[in-house]
Amino acid sequence: MDNLNKTMKFNIEEAQNENIKNVLSNVYKTLEERGYNPVNQIVGYLQSGDPAFIPRHNEARNQIRHIERDEIMEVLVKSYITRELNE
């Protein structure tokens, strides 16, 4: 009940990043299921913008097309750098 008296804080950037991570996870798993090299396919999509690199299976193509490619790259770079700095 004490939480009802507190103001909740919502961070839109964190929510967007979490959505991008969930989409990338689905795309990666879908590519694996279909027998593709997920890294190569995702890189191909990010470089070209051609959605044909991503299968329609599991709504992967529709999901990834709703996110700007530069936003995907930003999340990937941030995740990589954060992980490298923490090791």
Protein backbone atom coordinates (compact mmCIF):
# COMPACT_ATOMS: atom_id res chain seq x y z
CA MET A 1 0.00 0.00 0.00
CA ASP A 2 2.94 2.33 0.59
CA ASN A 3 3.68 2.31 -3.17
CA LEU A 4 0.34 4.00 -3.85
CA ASN A 5 1.62 7.15 -2.19
CA LYS A 6 4.83 7.31 -4.23
CA THR A 7 5.22 8.80 -7.67
CA MET A 8 6.29 6.20 -10.22
CA LYS A 9 9.08 7.06 -12.63
CA PHE A 10 8.92 5.88 -16.23
CA ASN A 11 11.94 6.02 -18.51
CA ILE A 12 10.90 5.86 -22.17
CA GLU A 13 14.46 5.21 -23.36
CA GLU A 14 14.78 2.15 -21.13
CA ALA A 15 11.42 0.85 -22.35
CA GLN A 16 12.41 1.36 -25.99
CA ASN A 17 15.77 -0.34 -25.45
CA GLU A 18 14.05 -3.29 -23.80
CA ASN A 19 11.66 -3.57 -26.75
CA ILE A 20 14.57 -3.53 -29.20
CA LYS A 21 16.36 -6.24 -27.22
CA ASN A 22 13.21 -8.39 -27.22
CA VAL A 23 12.79 -7.97 -30.98
CA LEU A 24 16.45 -8.80 -31.63
CA SER A 25 16.14 -11.87 -29.44
CA ASN A 26 13.09 -13.07 -31.41
CA VAL A 27 14.80 -12.34 -34.74
CA TYR A 28 17.96 -14.17 -33.64
CA LYS A 29 16.04 -17.24 -32.45
CA THR A 30 13.91 -17.27 -35.59
CA LEU A 31 16.97 -17.11 -37.84
CA GLU A 32 18.54 -20.00 -35.91
CA GLU A 33 15.33 -22.04 -36.21
CA ARG A 34 15.34 -21.48 -39.96
CA GLY A 35 18.98 -22.57 -40.29
CA TYR A 36 20.51 -19.17 -41.05
CA ASN A 37 23.57 -17.57 -39.48
CA PRO A 38 21.80 -14.97 -37.31
CA VAL A 39 24.73 -12.55 -37.08
CA ASN A 40 25.28 -12.49 -40.85
CA GLN A 41 21.58 -12.00 -41.57
CA ILE A 42 21.13 -9.21 -39.02
CA VAL A 43 24.26 -7.43 -40.27
CA GLY A 44 22.98 -7.76 -43.83
CA TYR A 45 19.69 -6.20 -42.81
CA LEU A 46 21.35 -3.38 -40.85
CA GLN A 47 23.68 -2.52 -43.73
CA SER A 48 21.18 -2.70 -46.55
CA GLY A 49 17.80 -2.05 -44.95
CA ASP A 50 16.45 -4.93 -47.06
CA PRO A 51 13.92 -6.83 -44.94
CA ALA A 52 14.42 -9.95 -47.08
CA PHE A 53 17.34 -10.81 -44.77
CA ILE A 54 14.80 -11.49 -42.00
CA PRO A 55 12.17 -14.24 -42.30
CA ARG A 56 8.47 -13.63 -41.79
CA HIS A 57 8.31 -16.61 -39.42
CA ASN A 58 7.38 -15.65 -35.81
CA GLU A 59 6.60 -12.10 -37.02
CA ALA A 60 10.36 -11.40 -37.01
CA ARG A 61 10.32 -9.30 -40.20
CA ASN A 62 7.36 -7.20 -39.10
CA GLN A 63 8.87 -6.61 -35.68
CA ILE A 64 12.29 -5.51 -36.89
CA ARG A 65 10.84 -3.23 -39.57
CA HIS A 66 9.07 -1.19 -36.89
CA ILE A 67 12.41 -0.17 -35.38
CA GLU A 68 14.83 2.28 -36.98
CA ARG A 69 18.08 0.59 -37.96
CA ASP A 70 20.17 3.26 -36.25
CA GLU A 71 18.30 2.59 -32.99
CA ILE A 72 19.12 -1.11 -33.28
CA MET A 73 22.79 -0.34 -33.89
CA GLU A 74 22.84 2.05 -30.92
CA VAL A 75 21.50 -0.63 -28.57
CA LEU A 76 23.97 -3.19 -29.93
CA VAL A 77 26.96 -0.86 -29.52
CA LYS A 78 25.89 0.21 -26.01
CA SER A 79 25.45 -3.43 -24.96
CA TYR A 80 28.83 -4.41 -26.37
CA ILE A 81 30.71 -1.51 -24.80
CA THR A 82 29.00 -1.94 -21.44
CA ARG A 83 29.89 -5.62 -21.40
CA GLU A 84 33.51 -4.96 -22.43
CA LEU A 85 34.01 -2.26 -19.78
CA ASN A 86 32.63 -4.54 -17.07
CA GLU A 87 35.02 -7.40 -17.84
